[in-house]
Amino acid sequence: MKTRNAVGALAAAVCYTPQKATRGWAWQTYWLAQASVCWLVLPVGVAWLTIPEIGTVLREAPREAMARSFLLGALYGVGGTAFGLAIRSIGFSLTYAIAIGISCVLGTLLPPLVAGELADVFRRAGGVWILGGLAIGATGILLSGMAGRGKENDVGGAQPGFDLRKGLLLSVLAGVLSAVYGFSLAAGQPLADVAARHGAGIFEGNIIYIFSNSGAFLTTAVYCLWLHFRHRTLGEYFELPSGSHRTRLTANFGLALLTGCLWYGQFFFYGLGHVRMGTFKFSSWGIHMIMLVLFSTVIGLLLREWAGCRSRTLALLGAALAVLLVAVLALTYGNYLGDLASAH
């Protein structure tokens, strides 16, 4: 189950890198294109392929669960859009550190808190390790953000359009609303239960994505289409500015498709891991978020994005990687102790 979480986190860590290679598209053109893939086409298509008797499942599933999952997913869509806008304002490093840090803590702790089960976590075997690992992970994410900001100052200076106040507000909004996605999945659990009765097995969660992700797509599409009409950019899907080669348009669509597949892949594998989590099932979100930052940092190192940084920045980066690794180990050990105790 940890391997599936790791694969999902790796997909999440690289999903937005194709955006850097697009040319001739406004932000809203790219964002709506990739959102159509990850929040509409793939959730419906993969559910149709992996859920047996999907028509029967949808007829038997409670309508209230569908509606709640959809509406909470719509809130998450606002957070996803805010995340994309924050990257434009303050860059990848600060956005990931703030938004993912908030989402890691809230998305992990709020579900058991709302369910009135958080106090029980302390009393279970391994519970202290889970909460400690979460705190360590949040610290590692913060250190990673500080190192990332140092890198931007060392090698690139302030990006064009840098707006700290706007970016911080958007990052906080993205972090809070990203945590809502976990509630959307929890609200759709009755749908997964019906799918499981019809033989969906480990793919039972794919039925939820039809509603949670389409809700996210709705709010995203409304905002992007508003930007299109405001800036008259809708035609970019059919023709790029004069001087651009036709293959550039094809490449942009390919990059948006890749982004959408990677984004959806993170939750496809997250769902496979989540369904097999034991006593501390709620901790899978924290593990996913911490691994996301860990992998994105390592990928940056492999791509030599940190070349030319000062020793102080590299020391912060090393500390962040060490702390994130300790957090993953603590969370893994806590889950091991919890599963061991429940087996007896």
C-alpha atoms as a PDB file:
ATOM      1  CA  MET A   1       0.000   0.000   0.000  1.00  0.00           C
ATOM      2  CA  LYS A   2       2.904   2.369   0.701  1.00  0.00           C
ATOM      3  CA  THR A   3       4.259   1.600  -2.798  1.00  0.00           C
ATOM      4  CA  ARG A   4       0.987   2.721  -4.384  1.00  0.00           C
ATOM      5  CA  ASN A   5       1.027   5.890  -2.298  1.00  0.00           C
ATOM      6  CA  ALA A   6       4.579   6.497  -3.473  1.00  0.00           C
ATOM      7  CA  VAL A   7       3.650   6.057  -7.145  1.00  0.00           C
ATOM      8  CA  GLY A   8       0.744   8.455  -6.702  1.00  0.00           C
ATOM      9  CA  ALA A   9       2.965  11.008  -4.973  1.00  0.00           C
ATOM     10  CA  LEU A  10       5.553  10.721  -7.753  1.00  0.00           C
ATOM     11  CA  ALA A  11       2.872  11.438 -10.357  1.00  0.00           C
ATOM     12  CA  ALA A  12       1.734  14.452  -8.325  1.00  0.00           C
ATOM     13  CA  ALA A  13       5.301  15.736  -7.986  1.00  0.00           C
ATOM     14  CA  VAL A  14       5.804  15.993 -11.747  1.00  0.00           C
ATOM     15  CA  CYS A  15       2.272  16.648 -13.005  1.00  0.00           C
ATOM     16  CA  TYR A  16       2.652  20.393 -13.501  1.00  0.00           C
ATOM     17  CA  THR A  17       6.149  20.404 -15.020  1.00  0.00           C
ATOM     18  CA  PRO A  18       4.807  20.067 -18.615  1.00  0.00           C
ATOM     19  CA  GLN A  19       3.224  23.491 -18.141  1.00  0.00           C
ATOM     20  CA  LYS A  20       6.693  25.057 -18.421  1.00  0.00           C
ATOM     21  CA  ALA A  21       7.057  23.807 -22.004  1.00  0.00           C
ATOM     22  CA  THR A  22       3.788  25.178 -23.428  1.00  0.00           C
ATOM     23  CA  ARG A  23       4.133  28.090 -25.860  1.00  0.00           C
ATOM     24  CA  GLY A  24       1.568  30.550 -27.199  1.00  0.00           C
ATOM     25  CA  TRP A  25      -1.208  29.592 -24.767  1.00  0.00           C
ATOM     26  CA  ALA A  26      -2.675  31.783 -22.061  1.00  0.00           C
ATOM     27  CA  TRP A  27      -2.823  30.243 -18.580  1.00  0.00           C
ATOM     28  CA  GLN A  28      -6.576  29.566 -18.837  1.00  0.00           C
ATOM     29  CA  THR A  29      -6.151  27.744 -22.155  1.00  0.00           C
ATOM     30  CA  TYR A  30      -3.683  25.268 -20.709  1.00  0.00           C
ATOM     31  CA  TRP A  31      -5.491  24.938 -17.383  1.00  0.00           C
ATOM     32  CA  LEU A  32      -8.878  24.114 -18.892  1.00  0.00           C
ATOM     33  CA  ALA A  33      -7.313  21.658 -21.342  1.00  0.00           C
ATOM     34  CA  GLN A  34      -5.537  19.666 -18.638  1.00  0.00           C
ATOM     35  CA  ALA A  35      -8.538  19.905 -16.281  1.00  0.00           C
ATOM     36  CA  SER A  36     -10.780  18.396 -18.973  1.00  0.00           C
ATOM     37  CA  VAL A  37      -8.520  15.342 -18.972  1.00  0.00           C
ATOM     38  CA  CYS A  38      -7.936  14.833 -15.249  1.00  0.00           C
ATOM     39  CA  TRP A  39     -11.293  15.979 -13.886  1.00  0.00           C
ATOM     40  CA  LEU A  40     -13.710  14.798 -16.554  1.00  0.00           C
ATOM     41  CA  VAL A  41     -12.508  12.418 -19.276  1.00  0.00           C
ATOM     42  CA  LEU A  42     -10.281  10.082 -17.224  1.00  0.00           C
ATOM     43  CA  PRO A  43     -12.535   9.759 -14.129  1.00  0.00           C
ATOM     44  CA  VAL A  44     -15.471   8.719 -16.313  1.00  0.00           C
ATOM     45  CA  GLY A  45     -13.411   6.546 -18.653  1.00  0.00           C
ATOM     46  CA  VAL A  46     -11.427   4.709 -15.966  1.00  0.00           C
ATOM     47  CA  ALA A  47     -14.544   4.098 -13.859  1.00  0.00           C
ATOM     48  CA  TRP A  48     -16.309   2.641 -16.888  1.00  0.00           C
ATOM     49  CA  LEU A  49     -13.350   0.293 -17.486  1.00  0.00           C
ATOM     50  CA  THR A  50     -12.792  -0.824 -13.883  1.00  0.00           C
ATOM     51  CA  ILE A  51     -16.225  -0.882 -12.211  1.00  0.00           C
ATOM     52  CA  PRO A  52     -18.263  -4.004 -13.103  1.00  0.00           C
ATOM     53  CA  GLU A  53     -21.945  -3.366 -13.834  1.00  0.00           C
ATOM     54  CA  ILE A  54     -21.383   0.377 -13.514  1.00  0.00           C
ATOM     55  CA  GLY A  55     -24.897   1.198 -14.717  1.00  0.00           C
ATOM     56  CA  THR A  56     -26.400  -0.923 -11.934  1.00  0.00           C
ATOM     57  CA  VAL A  57     -23.999   0.567  -9.399  1.00  0.00           C
ATOM     58  CA  LEU A  58     -25.079   4.103 -10.323  1.00  0.00           C
ATOM     59  CA  ARG A  59     -28.755   3.170 -10.095  1.00  0.00           C
ATOM     60  CA  GLU A  60     -28.355   1.571  -6.660  1.00  0.00           C
ATOM     61  CA  ALA A  61     -25.985   4.174  -5.179  1.00  0.00           C
ATOM     62  CA  PRO A  62     -27.519   6.805  -2.860  1.00  0.00           C
ATOM     63  CA  ARG A  63     -28.207  10.119  -4.604  1.00  0.00           C
ATOM     64  CA  GLU A  64     -27.276  12.085  -1.482  1.00  0.00           C
ATOM     65  CA  ALA A  65     -23.749  10.657  -1.554  1.00  0.00           C
ATOM     66  CA  MET A  66     -23.414  11.628  -5.220  1.00  0.00           C
ATOM     67  CA  ALA A  67     -24.533  15.199  -4.526  1.00  0.00           C
ATOM     68  CA  ARG A  68     -22.308  15.694  -1.490  1.00  0.00           C
ATOM     69  CA  SER A  69     -19.245  14.311  -3.247  1.00  0.00           C
ATOM     70  CA  PHE A  70     -19.930  16.558  -6.256  1.00  0.00           C
ATOM     71  CA  LEU A  71     -20.421  19.736  -4.209  1.00  0.00           C
ATOM     72  CA  LEU A  72     -17.340  19.150  -2.063  1.00  0.00           C
ATOM     73  CA  GLY A  73     -15.396  18.384  -5.221  1.00  0.00           C
ATOM     74  CA  ALA A  74     -16.547  21.724  -6.625  1.00  0.00           C
ATOM     75  CA  LEU A  75     -14.964  23.452  -3.626  1.00  0.00           C
ATOM     76  CA  TYR A  76     -11.775  21.510  -4.255  1.00  0.00           C
ATOM     77  CA  GLY A  77     -11.846  22.768  -7.841  1.00  0.00           C
ATOM     78  CA  VAL A  78     -11.661  26.325  -6.523  1.00  0.00           C
ATOM     79  CA  GLY A  79      -8.592  25.288  -4.515  1.00  0.00           C
ATOM     80  CA  GLY A  80      -6.972  23.644  -7.538  1.00  0.00           C
ATOM     81  CA  THR A  81      -7.450  26.785  -9.598  1.00  0.00           C
ATOM     82  CA  ALA A  82      -6.067  28.914  -6.742  1.00  0.00           C
ATOM     83  CA  PHE A  83      -3.026  26.614  -6.683  1.00  0.00           C
ATOM     84  CA  GLY A  84      -2.361  27.215 -10.357  1.00  0.00           C
ATOM     85  CA  LEU A  85      -2.731  30.977  -9.953  1.00  0.00           C
ATOM     86  CA  ALA A  86      -0.450  30.979  -6.892  1.00  0.00           C
ATOM     87  CA  ILE A  87       2.317  29.351  -8.938  1.00  0.00           C
ATOM     88  CA  ARG A  88       2.081  32.284 -11.352  1.00  0.00           C
ATOM     89  CA  SER A  89       2.413  34.757  -8.467  1.00  0.00           C
ATOM     90  CA  ILE A  90       5.106  33.268  -6.217  1.00  0.00           C
ATOM     91  CA  GLY A  91       6.519  30.243  -8.053  1.00  0.00           C
ATOM     92  CA  PHE A  92       6.442  26.482  -7.503  1.00  0.00           C
ATOM     93  CA  SER A  93       8.527  26.310  -4.313  1.00  0.00           C
ATOM     94  CA  LEU A  94       6.567  28.659  -2.085  1.00  0.00           C
ATOM     95  CA  THR A  95       3.228  27.497  -3.472  1.00  0.00           C
ATOM     96  CA  TYR A  96       4.018  23.839  -2.821  1.00  0.00           C
ATOM     97  CA  ALA A  97       5.372  24.558   0.669  1.00  0.00           C
ATOM     98  CA  ILE A  98       2.382  26.605   1.831  1.00  0.00           C
ATOM     99  CA  ALA A  99      -0.494  24.901   0.011  1.00  0.00           C
ATOM    100  CA  ILE A 100       0.745  21.326   0.418  1.00  0.00           C
ATOM    101  CA  GLY A 101       1.746  21.972   4.051  1.00  0.00           C
ATOM    102  CA  ILE A 102      -1.726  23.226   4.947  1.00  0.00           C
ATOM    103  CA  SER A 103      -3.412  20.467   2.965  1.00  0.00           C
ATOM    104  CA  CYS A 104      -1.200  17.833   4.617  1.00  0.00           C
ATOM    105  CA  VAL A 105      -2.187  18.859   8.143  1.00  0.00           C
ATOM    106  CA  LEU A 106      -5.850  19.722   7.581  1.00  0.00           C
ATOM    107  CA  GLY A 107      -6.554  16.916   5.121  1.00  0.00           C
ATOM    108  CA  THR A 108      -5.147  14.344   7.534  1.00  0.00           C
ATOM    109  CA  LEU A 109      -6.492  15.587  10.868  1.00  0.00           C
ATOM    110  CA  LEU A 110      -9.876  17.090   9.979  1.00  0.00           C
ATOM    111  CA  PRO A 111     -11.657  13.852   8.912  1.00  0.00           C
ATOM    112  CA  PRO A 112     -11.008  12.029  12.241  1.00  0.00           C
ATOM    113  CA  LEU A 113     -11.624  15.297  14.139  1.00  0.00           C
ATOM    114  CA  VAL A 114     -15.017  15.832  12.512  1.00  0.00           C
ATOM    115  CA  ALA A 115     -15.860  12.169  13.091  1.00  0.00           C
ATOM    116  CA  GLY A 116     -14.950  12.570  16.781  1.00  0.00           C
ATOM    117  CA  GLU A 117     -12.184   9.960  16.531  1.00  0.00           C
ATOM    118  CA  LEU A 118      -9.041  12.083  16.843  1.00  0.00           C
ATOM    119  CA  ALA A 119      -8.704  11.580  20.610  1.00  0.00           C
ATOM    120  CA  ASP A 120      -8.758   7.812  20.072  1.00  0.00           C
ATOM    121  CA  VAL A 121      -5.704   8.084  17.838  1.00  0.00           C
ATOM    122  CA  PHE A 122      -3.516   8.951  20.848  1.00  0.00           C
ATOM    123  CA  ARG A 123      -4.694   5.846  22.664  1.00  0.00           C
ATOM    124  CA  ARG A 124      -4.066   3.372  19.865  1.00  0.00           C
ATOM    125  CA  ALA A 125      -0.764   1.583  19.373  1.00  0.00           C
ATOM    126  CA  GLY A 126       1.291   3.643  16.952  1.00  0.00           C
ATOM    127  CA  GLY A 127      -0.910   6.738  17.291  1.00  0.00           C
ATOM    128  CA  VAL A 128       1.854   8.916  18.713  1.00  0.00           C
ATOM    129  CA  TRP A 129       4.095   7.928  15.795  1.00  0.00           C
ATOM    130  CA  ILE A 130       1.380   8.942  13.320  1.00  0.00           C
ATOM    131  CA  LEU A 131       0.834  12.371  14.851  1.00  0.00           C
ATOM    132  CA  GLY A 132       4.562  12.874  15.358  1.00  0.00           C
ATOM    133  CA  GLY A 133       5.251  11.911  11.752  1.00  0.00           C
ATOM    134  CA  LEU A 134       2.660  14.405  10.579  1.00  0.00           C
ATOM    135  CA  ALA A 135       4.280  17.206  12.613  1.00  0.00           C
ATOM    136  CA  ILE A 136       7.730  16.253  11.321  1.00  0.00           C
ATOM    137  CA  GLY A 137       6.383  16.196   7.765  1.00  0.00           C
ATOM    138  CA  ALA A 138       4.888  19.679   8.085  1.00  0.00           C
ATOM    139  CA  THR A 139       8.278  20.904   9.326  1.00  0.00           C
ATOM    140  CA  GLY A 140      10.014  19.277   6.370  1.00  0.00           C
ATOM    141  CA  ILE A 141       7.592  20.884   3.928  1.00  0.00           C
ATOM    142  CA  LEU A 142       8.287  24.284   5.491  1.00  0.00           C
ATOM    143  CA  LEU A 143      12.061  23.742   5.197  1.00  0.00           C
ATOM    144  CA  SER A 144      11.600  22.671   1.592  1.00  0.00           C
ATOM    145  CA  GLY A 145       9.738  25.884   0.843  1.00  0.00           C
ATOM    146  CA  MET A 146      12.440  27.971   2.490  1.00  0.00           C
ATOM    147  CA  ALA A 147      15.100  26.186   0.449  1.00  0.00           C
ATOM    148  CA  GLY A 148      13.062  26.656  -2.715  1.00  0.00           C
ATOM    149  CA  ARG A 149      12.698  30.354  -2.085  1.00  0.00           C
ATOM    150  CA  GLY A 150      16.430  30.565  -1.456  1.00  0.00           C
ATOM    151  CA  LYS A 151      17.060  28.818  -4.781  1.00  0.00           C
ATOM    152  CA  GLU A 152      14.869  31.301  -6.632  1.00  0.00           C
ATOM    153  CA  ASN A 153      16.812  34.179  -5.074  1.00  0.00           C
ATOM    154  CA  ASP A 154      20.206  32.559  -5.749  1.00  0.00           C
ATOM    155  CA  VAL A 155      19.801  31.590  -9.394  1.00  0.00           C
ATOM    156  CA  GLY A 156      16.848  33.390 -10.853  1.00  0.00           C
ATOM    157  CA  GLY A 157      15.734  36.395  -8.844  1.00  0.00           C
ATOM    158  CA  ALA A 158      12.075  37.339  -8.674  1.00  0.00           C
ATOM    159  CA  GLN A 159       9.952  35.819 -11.450  1.00  0.00           C
ATOM    160  CA  PRO A 160       7.983  38.122 -13.800  1.00  0.00           C
ATOM    161  CA  GLY A 161       4.687  39.073 -12.189  1.00  0.00           C
ATOM    162  CA  PHE A 162       5.892  38.122  -8.704  1.00  0.00           C
ATOM    163  CA  ASP A 163       3.267  39.210  -6.139  1.00  0.00           C
ATOM    164  CA  LEU A 164       3.945  37.912  -2.625  1.00  0.00           C
ATOM    165  CA  ARG A 165       0.708  39.090  -1.002  1.00  0.00           C
ATOM    166  CA  LYS A 166      -1.528  37.728  -3.748  1.00  0.00           C
ATOM    167  CA  GLY A 167       0.443  34.482  -3.933  1.00  0.00           C
ATOM    168  CA  LEU A 168       0.296  33.865  -0.190  1.00  0.00           C
ATOM    169  CA  LEU A 169      -3.470  34.408  -0.084  1.00  0.00           C
ATOM    170  CA  LEU A 170      -3.982  32.078  -3.036  1.00  0.00           C
ATOM    171  CA  SER A 171      -1.690  29.428  -1.511  1.00  0.00           C
ATOM    172  CA  VAL A 172      -3.578  29.470   1.799  1.00  0.00           C
ATOM    173  CA  LEU A 173      -6.894  29.219  -0.073  1.00  0.00           C
ATOM    174  CA  ALA A 174      -5.516  26.344  -2.160  1.00  0.00           C
ATOM    175  CA  GLY A 175      -4.246  24.508   0.922  1.00  0.00           C
ATOM    176  CA  VAL A 176      -7.516  24.809   2.844  1.00  0.00           C
ATOM    177  CA  LEU A 177      -9.732  23.813  -0.086  1.00  0.00           C
ATOM    178  CA  SER A 178      -7.404  20.998  -1.161  1.00  0.00           C
ATOM    179  CA  ALA A 179      -8.080  19.412   2.221  1.00  0.00           C
ATOM    180  CA  VAL A 180     -11.775  19.372   1.262  1.00  0.00           C
ATOM    181  CA  TYR A 181     -11.009  16.727  -1.359  1.00  0.00           C
ATOM    182  CA  GLY A 182     -10.662  14.138   1.386  1.00  0.00           C
ATOM    183  CA  PHE A 183     -14.158  15.005   2.591  1.00  0.00           C
ATOM    184  CA  SER A 184     -15.425  14.647  -0.968  1.00  0.00           C
ATOM    185  CA  LEU A 185     -13.997  11.128  -1.153  1.00  0.00           C
ATOM    186  CA  ALA A 186     -15.390  10.285   2.300  1.00  0.00           C
ATOM    187  CA  ALA A 187     -18.827  11.581   1.272  1.00  0.00           C
ATOM    188  CA  GLY A 188     -18.715   9.269  -1.732  1.00  0.00           C
ATOM    189  CA  GLN A 189     -17.786   6.148   0.254  1.00  0.00           C
ATOM    190  CA  PRO A 190     -21.368   4.776   0.035  1.00  0.00           C
ATOM    191  CA  LEU A 191     -20.892   4.745  -3.751  1.00  0.00           C
ATOM    192  CA  ALA A 192     -17.688   2.739  -3.343  1.00  0.00           C
ATOM    193  CA  ASP A 193     -19.480   0.328  -1.010  1.00  0.00           C
ATOM    194  CA  VAL A 194     -22.066  -0.379  -3.706  1.00  0.00           C
ATOM    195  CA  ALA A 195     -19.304  -0.820  -6.299  1.00  0.00           C
ATOM    196  CA  ALA A 196     -17.525  -3.253  -3.957  1.00  0.00           C
ATOM    197  CA  ARG A 197     -20.678  -5.372  -3.690  1.00  0.00           C
ATOM    198  CA  HIS A 198     -20.643  -5.659  -7.483  1.00  0.00           C
ATOM    199  CA  GLY A 199     -17.037  -6.882  -7.563  1.00  0.00           C
ATOM    200  CA  ALA A 200     -15.021  -3.687  -8.037  1.00  0.00           C
ATOM    201  CA  GLY A 201     -12.408  -4.841  -5.509  1.00  0.00           C
ATOM    202  CA  ILE A 202      -9.489  -2.437  -5.070  1.00  0.00           C
ATOM    203  CA  PHE A 203     -10.955  -0.202  -7.800  1.00  0.00           C
ATOM    204  CA  GLU A 204     -14.074   0.613  -5.796  1.00  0.00           C
ATOM    205  CA  GLY A 205     -12.938   4.218  -5.233  1.00  0.00           C
ATOM    206  CA  ASN A 206     -12.952   4.970  -8.971  1.00  0.00           C
ATOM    207  CA  ILE A 207     -16.732   5.387  -8.872  1.00  0.00           C
ATOM    208  CA  ILE A 208     -16.343   8.319  -6.463  1.00  0.00           C
ATOM    209  CA  TYR A 209     -14.042  10.201  -8.847  1.00  0.00           C
ATOM    210  CA  ILE A 210     -16.885  10.549 -11.341  1.00  0.00           C
ATOM    211  CA  PHE A 211     -18.587  12.941  -8.919  1.00  0.00           C
ATOM    212  CA  SER A 212     -15.738  14.470  -6.914  1.00  0.00           C
ATOM    213  CA  ASN A 213     -13.680  15.281 -10.007  1.00  0.00           C
ATOM    214  CA  SER A 214     -16.561  16.469 -12.173  1.00  0.00           C
ATOM    215  CA  GLY A 215     -17.454  18.882  -9.377  1.00  0.00           C
ATOM    216  CA  ALA A 216     -13.883  20.204  -9.501  1.00  0.00           C
ATOM    217  CA  PHE A 217     -14.127  20.466 -13.279  1.00  0.00           C
ATOM    218  CA  LEU A 218     -17.313  22.549 -13.116  1.00  0.00           C
ATOM    219  CA  THR A 219     -15.843  25.347 -10.990  1.00  0.00           C
ATOM    220  CA  THR A 220     -12.594  25.265 -12.949  1.00  0.00           C
ATOM    221  CA  ALA A 221     -14.390  25.458 -16.290  1.00  0.00           C
ATOM    222  CA  VAL A 222     -16.559  28.380 -15.169  1.00  0.00           C
ATOM    223  CA  TYR A 223     -13.516  30.428 -14.134  1.00  0.00           C
ATOM    224  CA  CYS A 224     -11.408  29.524 -17.176  1.00  0.00           C
ATOM    225  CA  LEU A 225     -14.243  30.262 -19.622  1.00  0.00           C
ATOM    226  CA  TRP A 226     -14.783  33.625 -17.909  1.00  0.00           C
ATOM    227  CA  LEU A 227     -11.095  34.400 -18.461  1.00  0.00           C
ATOM    228  CA  HIS A 228     -11.373  33.246 -22.072  1.00  0.00           C
ATOM    229  CA  PHE A 229     -14.247  35.598 -22.847  1.00  0.00           C
ATOM    230  CA  ARG A 230     -12.631  38.442 -20.921  1.00  0.00           C
ATOM    231  CA  HIS A 231      -9.297  38.159 -22.728  1.00  0.00           C
ATOM    232  CA  ARG A 232     -10.621  36.738 -26.039  1.00  0.00           C
ATOM    233  CA  THR A 233      -8.359  33.687 -25.860  1.00  0.00           C
ATOM    234  CA  LEU A 234     -10.814  30.873 -26.661  1.00  0.00           C
ATOM    235  CA  GLY A 235      -9.479  30.722 -30.214  1.00  0.00           C
ATOM    236  CA  GLU A 236      -6.089  29.522 -28.933  1.00  0.00           C
ATOM    237  CA  TYR A 237      -7.467  25.976 -28.942  1.00  0.00           C
ATOM    238  CA  PHE A 238      -7.715  26.172 -32.736  1.00  0.00           C
ATOM    239  CA  GLU A 239      -4.979  28.575 -33.829  1.00  0.00           C
ATOM    240  CA  LEU A 240      -1.874  30.051 -32.195  1.00  0.00           C
ATOM    241  CA  PRO A 241      -0.643  33.612 -32.790  1.00  0.00           C
ATOM    242  CA  SER A 242       0.838  34.333 -36.222  1.00  0.00           C
ATOM    243  CA  GLY A 243       4.352  32.988 -36.632  1.00  0.00           C
ATOM    244  CA  SER A 244       3.711  29.849 -34.558  1.00  0.00           C
ATOM    245  CA  HIS A 245       4.116  26.510 -36.300  1.00  0.00           C
ATOM    246  CA  ARG A 246       1.093  24.204 -36.468  1.00  0.00           C
ATOM    247  CA  THR A 247       2.992  21.481 -34.614  1.00  0.00           C
ATOM    248  CA  ARG A 248       3.255  23.859 -31.633  1.00  0.00           C
ATOM    249  CA  LEU A 249      -0.502  23.618 -31.125  1.00  0.00           C
ATOM    250  CA  THR A 250      -0.328  19.811 -31.236  1.00  0.00           C
ATOM    251  CA  ALA A 251       2.537  19.868 -28.750  1.00  0.00           C
ATOM    252  CA  ASN A 252       0.544  22.071 -26.372  1.00  0.00           C
ATOM    253  CA  PHE A 253      -2.374  19.644 -26.434  1.00  0.00           C
ATOM    254  CA  GLY A 254       0.054  16.776 -25.839  1.00  0.00           C
ATOM    255  CA  LEU A 255       1.551  18.549 -22.817  1.00  0.00           C
ATOM    256  CA  ALA A 256      -1.922  19.269 -21.409  1.00  0.00           C
ATOM    257  CA  LEU A 257      -2.853  15.604 -21.932  1.00  0.00           C
ATOM    258  CA  LEU A 258       0.312  14.518 -20.112  1.00  0.00           C
ATOM    259  CA  THR A 259      -0.440  16.854 -17.213  1.00  0.00           C
ATOM    260  CA  GLY A 260      -3.996  15.538 -16.946  1.00  0.00           C
ATOM    261  CA  CYS A 261      -2.859  11.907 -16.992  1.00  0.00           C
ATOM    262  CA  LEU A 262      -0.240  12.523 -14.316  1.00  0.00           C
ATOM    263  CA  TRP A 263      -2.663  14.452 -12.114  1.00  0.00           C
ATOM    264  CA  TYR A 264      -5.307  11.755 -12.366  1.00  0.00           C
ATOM    265  CA  GLY A 265      -2.638   9.099 -11.859  1.00  0.00           C
ATOM    266  CA  GLN A 266      -1.767  10.485  -8.434  1.00  0.00           C
ATOM    267  CA  PHE A 267      -5.257   9.808  -7.109  1.00  0.00           C
ATOM    268  CA  PHE A 268      -5.737   6.578  -9.041  1.00  0.00           C
ATOM    269  CA  PHE A 269      -2.765   5.090  -7.185  1.00  0.00           C
ATOM    270  CA  TYR A 270      -3.625   6.964  -3.995  1.00  0.00           C
ATOM    271  CA  GLY A 271      -7.033   5.259  -4.064  1.00  0.00           C
ATOM    272  CA  LEU A 272      -5.450   1.834  -4.544  1.00  0.00           C
ATOM    273  CA  GLY A 273      -3.252   2.436  -1.504  1.00  0.00           C
ATOM    274  CA  HIS A 274      -5.945   4.096   0.608  1.00  0.00           C
ATOM    275  CA  VAL A 275      -8.390   1.216   0.285  1.00  0.00           C
ATOM    276  CA  ARG A 276      -5.783  -1.142   1.796  1.00  0.00           C
ATOM    277  CA  MET A 277      -4.754   1.082   4.701  1.00  0.00           C
ATOM    278  CA  GLY A 278      -5.480  -0.430   8.081  1.00  0.00           C
ATOM    279  CA  THR A 279      -5.995   1.106  11.527  1.00  0.00           C
ATOM    280  CA  PHE A 280      -4.819   4.602  10.580  1.00  0.00           C
ATOM    281  CA  LYS A 281      -6.489   4.856   7.193  1.00  0.00           C
ATOM    282  CA  PHE A 282      -6.821   8.626   7.567  1.00  0.00           C
ATOM    283  CA  SER A 283      -3.018   8.999   7.535  1.00  0.00           C
ATOM    284  CA  SER A 284      -2.773   8.033   3.856  1.00  0.00           C
ATOM    285  CA  TRP A 285      -3.410  11.667   2.874  1.00  0.00           C
ATOM    286  CA  GLY A 286      -0.491  12.877   4.999  1.00  0.00           C
ATOM    287  CA  ILE A 287       1.810  10.203   3.584  1.00  0.00           C
ATOM    288  CA  HIS A 288       0.773  11.191   0.059  1.00  0.00           C
ATOM    289  CA  MET A 289       1.411  14.898   0.625  1.00  0.00           C
ATOM    290  CA  ILE A 290       4.795  14.414   2.325  1.00  0.00           C
ATOM    291  CA  MET A 291       5.995  12.025  -0.378  1.00  0.00           C
ATOM    292  CA  LEU A 292       4.820  14.515  -2.995  1.00  0.00           C
ATOM    293  CA  VAL A 293       7.129  17.223  -1.649  1.00  0.00           C
ATOM    294  CA  LEU A 294       9.954  14.733  -1.107  1.00  0.00           C
ATOM    295  CA  PHE A 295       9.814  13.456  -4.691  1.00  0.00           C
ATOM    296  CA  SER A 296       9.394  16.898  -6.238  1.00  0.00           C
ATOM    297  CA  THR A 297      12.543  18.043  -4.399  1.00  0.00           C
ATOM    298  CA  VAL A 298      14.551  15.007  -5.503  1.00  0.00           C
ATOM    299  CA  ILE A 299      13.393  15.462  -9.108  1.00  0.00           C
ATOM    300  CA  GLY A 300      14.562  19.064  -8.970  1.00  0.00           C
ATOM    301  CA  LEU A 301      17.996  17.851  -7.858  1.00  0.00           C
ATOM    302  CA  LEU A 302      18.198  15.289 -10.668  1.00  0.00           C
ATOM    303  CA  LEU A 303      17.288  17.972 -13.204  1.00  0.00           C
ATOM    304  CA  ARG A 304      20.087  20.169 -11.792  1.00  0.00           C
ATOM    305  CA  GLU A 305      17.638  22.912 -10.843  1.00  0.00           C
ATOM    306  CA  TRP A 306      19.720  23.584  -7.729  1.00  0.00           C
ATOM    307  CA  ALA A 307      22.999  24.142  -9.563  1.00  0.00           C
ATOM    308  CA  GLY A 308      24.569  27.462  -8.628  1.00  0.00           C
ATOM    309  CA  CYS A 309      22.825  27.766  -5.242  1.00  0.00           C
ATOM    310  CA  ARG A 310      24.637  29.051  -2.169  1.00  0.00           C
ATOM    311  CA  SER A 311      25.828  26.589   0.480  1.00  0.00           C
ATOM    312  CA  ARG A 312      23.204  27.916   2.925  1.00  0.00           C
ATOM    313  CA  THR A 313      20.409  27.087   0.461  1.00  0.00           C
ATOM    314  CA  LEU A 314      21.813  23.616  -0.185  1.00  0.00           C
ATOM    315  CA  ALA A 315      22.099  23.014   3.574  1.00  0.00           C
ATOM    316  CA  LEU A 316      18.409  23.914   3.962  1.00  0.00           C
ATOM    317  CA  LEU A 317      17.584  21.543   1.128  1.00  0.00           C
ATOM    318  CA  GLY A 318      19.533  18.714   2.739  1.00  0.00           C
ATOM    319  CA  ALA A 319      17.788  19.317   6.053  1.00  0.00           C
ATOM    320  CA  ALA A 320      14.395  19.314   4.319  1.00  0.00           C
ATOM    321  CA  LEU A 321      15.076  16.000   2.585  1.00  0.00           C
ATOM    322  CA  ALA A 322      16.266  14.400   5.828  1.00  0.00           C
ATOM    323  CA  VAL A 323      13.248  15.627   7.789  1.00  0.00           C
ATOM    324  CA  LEU A 324      10.793  14.523   5.080  1.00  0.00           C
ATOM    325  CA  LEU A 325      12.371  11.068   4.991  1.00  0.00           C
ATOM    326  CA  VAL A 326      12.115  10.773   8.785  1.00  0.00           C
ATOM    327  CA  ALA A 327       8.444  11.802   8.558  1.00  0.00           C
ATOM    328  CA  VAL A 328       7.657   9.050   6.041  1.00  0.00           C
ATOM    329  CA  LEU A 329       9.449   6.476   8.176  1.00  0.00           C
ATOM    330  CA  ALA A 330       7.589   7.619  11.322  1.00  0.00           C
ATOM    331  CA  LEU A 331       4.211   7.423   9.572  1.00  0.00           C
ATOM    332  CA  THR A 332       5.054   4.026   8.121  1.00  0.00           C
ATOM    333  CA  TYR A 333       6.158   2.693  11.511  1.00  0.00           C
ATOM    334  CA  GLY A 334       3.027   4.058  13.178  1.00  0.00           C
ATOM    335  CA  ASN A 335       0.845   2.269  10.630  1.00  0.00           C
ATOM    336  CA  TYR A 336       2.861  -0.908  11.165  1.00  0.00           C
ATOM    337  CA  LEU A 337       2.284  -0.772  14.935  1.00  0.00           C
ATOM    338  CA  GLY A 338      -1.428  -0.067  14.440  1.00  0.00           C
ATOM    339  CA  ASP A 339      -1.862  -2.982  12.038  1.00  0.00           C
ATOM    340  CA  LEU A 340       0.142  -5.264  14.337  1.00  0.00           C
ATOM    341  CA  ALA A 341      -2.067  -4.405  17.314  1.00  0.00           C
ATOM    342  CA  SER A 342      -5.312  -4.880  15.359  1.00  0.00           C
ATOM    343  CA  ALA A 343      -4.113  -8.278  14.122  1.00  0.00           C
ATOM    344  CA  HIS A 344      -3.938  -9.425  17.739  1.00  0.00           C
END
